Amino acid sequence: MEAFTKQFNKYIVLEGDGLIINRFKKEFPDSEAEIIETYFEKWTTEERFDVIILGFVLEHVDDPQMIIKNINTF
């Protein structure tokens, strides 16, 4: 998380598993990350981003082509 903090003023983490979110919050209690419990393919926002990092996403979704096709909408 230190790498993100040094590089970005704001970052959002999308995570579908509440247990992982709880573990993250215990390990990094001072993290400024906005963590949203959701599935990546169901999340919508009006916000636009300069950088999107998909870490371990495509192998866990039903339709990776849909994610790749719609990445420009963020």
N, C-alpha and C. Protein backbone atom coordinates (compact mmCIF):
# COMPACT_ATOMS: atom_id res chain seq x y z
N MET A 1 0.81 -1.19 0.00
CA MET A 1 0.00 0.00 0.00
C MET A 1 0.86 1.26 0.00
N GLU A 2 2.05 1.15 0.53
CA GLU A 2 2.93 2.31 0.55
C GLU A 2 3.20 2.82 -0.86
N ALA A 3 3.33 1.91 -1.81
CA ALA A 3 3.60 2.30 -3.20
C ALA A 3 2.48 3.17 -3.75
N PHE A 4 1.23 2.81 -3.46
CA PHE A 4 0.11 3.61 -3.94
C PHE A 4 0.07 4.96 -3.25
N THR A 5 0.32 4.98 -1.96
CA THR A 5 0.27 6.22 -1.20
C THR A 5 1.28 7.23 -1.73
N LYS A 6 2.45 6.74 -2.10
CA LYS A 6 3.51 7.64 -2.60
C LYS A 6 3.22 8.13 -4.01
N GLN A 7 2.50 7.36 -4.80
CA GLN A 7 2.27 7.69 -6.20
C GLN A 7 0.97 8.44 -6.48
N PHE A 8 -0.06 8.20 -5.64
CA PHE A 8 -1.38 8.73 -5.94
C PHE A 8 -1.96 9.46 -4.74
N ASN A 9 -2.64 10.59 -5.00
CA ASN A 9 -3.30 11.32 -3.92
C ASN A 9 -4.54 10.59 -3.43
N LYS A 10 -5.20 9.89 -4.34
CA LYS A 10 -6.42 9.18 -4.00
C LYS A 10 -6.42 7.85 -4.73
N TYR A 11 -6.86 6.81 -4.05
CA TYR A 11 -7.03 5.54 -4.74
C TYR A 11 -8.18 4.77 -4.13
N ILE A 12 -8.85 4.03 -5.01
CA ILE A 12 -10.02 3.25 -4.64
C ILE A 12 -9.72 1.79 -4.89
N VAL A 13 -10.08 0.96 -3.93
CA VAL A 13 -9.91 -0.48 -4.06
C VAL A 13 -11.29 -1.12 -4.13
N LEU A 14 -11.53 -1.91 -5.16
CA LEU A 14 -12.77 -2.67 -5.27
C LEU A 14 -12.47 -4.10 -4.87
N GLU A 15 -13.22 -4.62 -3.92
CA GLU A 15 -13.01 -5.98 -3.42
C GLU A 15 -14.36 -6.63 -3.16
N GLY A 16 -14.52 -7.84 -3.64
CA GLY A 16 -15.77 -8.55 -3.49
C GLY A 16 -15.91 -9.35 -2.22
N ASP A 17 -14.84 -9.48 -1.46
CA ASP A 17 -14.85 -10.34 -0.27
C ASP A 17 -14.66 -9.50 1.00
N GLY A 18 -15.70 -9.45 1.82
CA GLY A 18 -15.66 -8.67 3.05
C GLY A 18 -14.57 -9.13 4.02
N LEU A 19 -14.24 -10.42 4.02
CA LEU A 19 -13.18 -10.93 4.90
C LEU A 19 -11.82 -10.34 4.52
N ILE A 20 -11.58 -10.24 3.23
CA ILE A 20 -10.32 -9.65 2.77
C ILE A 20 -10.27 -8.17 3.14
N ILE A 21 -11.38 -7.48 3.01
CA ILE A 21 -11.44 -6.07 3.39
C ILE A 21 -11.14 -5.90 4.87
N ASN A 22 -11.75 -6.72 5.70
CA ASN A 22 -11.49 -6.64 7.15
C ASN A 22 -10.04 -6.91 7.49
N ARG A 23 -9.45 -7.90 6.81
CA ARG A 23 -8.04 -8.23 7.05
C ARG A 23 -7.15 -7.05 6.63
N PHE A 24 -7.47 -6.46 5.48
CA PHE A 24 -6.72 -5.30 5.01
C PHE A 24 -6.77 -4.17 6.03
N LYS A 25 -7.97 -3.88 6.54
CA LYS A 25 -8.13 -2.78 7.50
C LYS A 25 -7.36 -3.04 8.79
N LYS A 26 -7.25 -4.30 9.21
CA LYS A 26 -6.47 -4.63 10.40
C LYS A 26 -4.98 -4.47 10.13
N GLU A 27 -4.53 -4.89 8.94
CA GLU A 27 -3.11 -4.80 8.61
C GLU A 27 -2.66 -3.38 8.29
N PHE A 28 -3.55 -2.58 7.73
CA PHE A 28 -3.22 -1.21 7.33
C PHE A 28 -4.24 -0.23 7.91
N PRO A 29 -4.27 -0.09 9.23
CA PRO A 29 -5.31 0.74 9.85
C PRO A 29 -5.22 2.23 9.47
N ASP A 30 -4.07 2.68 9.04
CA ASP A 30 -3.90 4.09 8.69
C ASP A 30 -4.02 4.35 7.20
N SER A 31 -4.38 3.33 6.45
CA SER A 31 -4.48 3.47 5.00
C SER A 31 -5.56 4.49 4.63
N GLU A 32 -5.27 5.28 3.62
CA GLU A 32 -6.22 6.26 3.13
C GLU A 32 -7.02 5.72 1.94
N ALA A 33 -6.86 4.45 1.64
CA ALA A 33 -7.57 3.85 0.51
C ALA A 33 -9.07 3.85 0.78
N GLU A 34 -9.83 4.16 -0.25
CA GLU A 34 -11.27 4.00 -0.18
C GLU A 34 -11.56 2.58 -0.65
N ILE A 35 -12.09 1.75 0.23
CA ILE A 35 -12.33 0.35 -0.11
C ILE A 35 -13.83 0.14 -0.26
N ILE A 36 -14.21 -0.37 -1.42
CA ILE A 36 -15.61 -0.58 -1.73
C ILE A 36 -15.85 -2.07 -1.90
N GLU A 37 -16.79 -2.61 -1.12
CA GLU A 37 -17.12 -4.03 -1.26
C GLU A 37 -18.11 -4.19 -2.40
N THR A 38 -17.63 -4.70 -3.51
CA THR A 38 -18.44 -4.88 -4.71
C THR A 38 -17.71 -5.80 -5.67
N TYR A 39 -18.44 -6.29 -6.62
CA TYR A 39 -17.82 -7.01 -7.74
C TYR A 39 -17.46 -5.98 -8.80
N PHE A 40 -16.30 -6.15 -9.38
CA PHE A 40 -15.78 -5.18 -10.33
C PHE A 40 -16.77 -4.91 -11.46
N GLU A 41 -17.38 -5.96 -11.99
CA GLU A 41 -18.27 -5.78 -13.13
C GLU A 41 -19.62 -5.16 -12.77
N LYS A 42 -19.90 -5.01 -11.48
CA LYS A 42 -21.16 -4.40 -11.06
C LYS A 42 -21.00 -2.95 -10.59
N TRP A 43 -19.79 -2.51 -10.40
CA TRP A 43 -19.53 -1.18 -9.87
C TRP A 43 -19.68 -0.13 -10.96
N THR A 44 -20.34 0.96 -10.64
CA THR A 44 -20.46 2.07 -11.57
C THR A 44 -20.11 3.36 -10.85
N THR A 45 -19.66 4.32 -11.59
CA THR A 45 -19.31 5.62 -11.03
C THR A 45 -19.32 6.67 -12.13
N GLU A 46 -19.56 7.89 -11.74
CA GLU A 46 -19.45 9.02 -12.67
C GLU A 46 -18.00 9.54 -12.69
N GLU A 47 -17.23 9.13 -11.71
CA GLU A 47 -15.84 9.59 -11.59
C GLU A 47 -15.00 8.99 -12.71
N ARG A 48 -13.98 9.73 -13.15
CA ARG A 48 -13.06 9.27 -14.18
C ARG A 48 -11.67 9.17 -13.58
N PHE A 49 -10.85 8.25 -14.11
CA PHE A 49 -9.55 7.95 -13.52
C PHE A 49 -8.45 8.07 -14.56
N ASP A 50 -7.28 8.50 -14.11
CA ASP A 50 -6.10 8.57 -14.96
C ASP A 50 -5.42 7.21 -15.07
N VAL A 51 -5.46 6.44 -14.00
CA VAL A 51 -4.78 5.14 -13.95
C VAL A 51 -5.73 4.13 -13.34
N ILE A 52 -5.82 2.97 -13.99
CA ILE A 52 -6.60 1.85 -13.44
C ILE A 52 -5.69 0.64 -13.44
N ILE A 53 -5.54 0.02 -12.28
CA ILE A 53 -4.71 -1.18 -12.15
C ILE A 53 -5.63 -2.35 -11.85
N LEU A 54 -5.62 -3.33 -12.73
CA LEU A 54 -6.43 -4.54 -12.55
C LEU A 54 -5.52 -5.64 -12.01
N GLY A 55 -5.42 -5.76 -10.72
CA GLY A 55 -4.60 -6.79 -10.11
C GLY A 55 -5.44 -8.00 -9.76
N PHE A 56 -5.20 -9.10 -10.43
CA PHE A 56 -5.91 -10.36 -10.16
C PHE A 56 -7.42 -10.21 -10.33
N VAL A 57 -7.84 -9.56 -11.42
CA VAL A 57 -9.26 -9.35 -11.67
C VAL A 57 -9.77 -10.27 -12.77
N LEU A 58 -9.13 -10.23 -13.93
CA LEU A 58 -9.69 -10.89 -15.11
C LEU A 58 -9.88 -12.39 -14.94
N GLU A 59 -9.03 -13.03 -14.17
CA GLU A 59 -9.19 -14.48 -13.98
C GLU A 59 -10.30 -14.84 -12.99
N HIS A 60 -10.92 -13.82 -12.38
CA HIS A 60 -11.96 -14.07 -11.38
C HIS A 60 -13.35 -13.58 -11.80
N VAL A 61 -13.50 -13.11 -13.01
CA VAL A 61 -14.80 -12.63 -13.47
C VAL A 61 -15.36 -13.58 -14.53
N ASP A 62 -16.67 -13.57 -14.66
CA ASP A 62 -17.32 -14.44 -15.63
C ASP A 62 -17.04 -14.04 -17.07
N ASP A 63 -16.91 -12.74 -17.31
CA ASP A 63 -16.75 -12.25 -18.68
C ASP A 63 -15.59 -11.24 -18.75
N PRO A 64 -14.34 -11.73 -18.81
CA PRO A 64 -13.20 -10.80 -18.85
C PRO A 64 -13.22 -9.87 -20.06
N GLN A 65 -13.77 -10.34 -21.19
CA GLN A 65 -13.85 -9.49 -22.38
C GLN A 65 -14.71 -8.26 -22.13
N MET A 66 -15.78 -8.43 -21.35
CA MET A 66 -16.65 -7.30 -21.02
C MET A 66 -15.88 -6.26 -20.21
N ILE A 67 -15.06 -6.72 -19.28
CA ILE A 67 -14.26 -5.80 -18.46
C ILE A 67 -13.30 -5.02 -19.36
N ILE A 68 -12.60 -5.72 -20.22
CA ILE A 68 -11.63 -5.08 -21.11
C ILE A 68 -12.34 -4.10 -22.05
N LYS A 69 -13.47 -4.51 -22.58
CA LYS A 69 -14.23 -3.67 -23.50
C LYS A 69 -14.71 -2.38 -22.83
N ASN A 70 -15.10 -2.46 -21.56
CA ASN A 70 -15.69 -1.31 -20.86
C ASN A 70 -14.71 -0.52 -20.00
N ILE A 71 -13.45 -0.86 -20.01
CA ILE A 71 -12.47 -0.19 -19.15
C ILE A 71 -12.40 1.31 -19.47
N ASN A 72 -12.65 1.68 -20.70
CA ASN A 72 -12.59 3.10 -21.08
C ASN A 72 -13.75 3.92 -20.53
N THR A 73 -14.74 3.28 -19.92
CA THR A 73 -15.85 4.04 -19.36
C THR A 73 -15.52 4.60 -17.97
N PHE A 74 -14.36 4.22 -17.43
CA PHE A 74 -13.97 4.70 -16.11
C PHE A 74 -13.00 5.85 -16.22
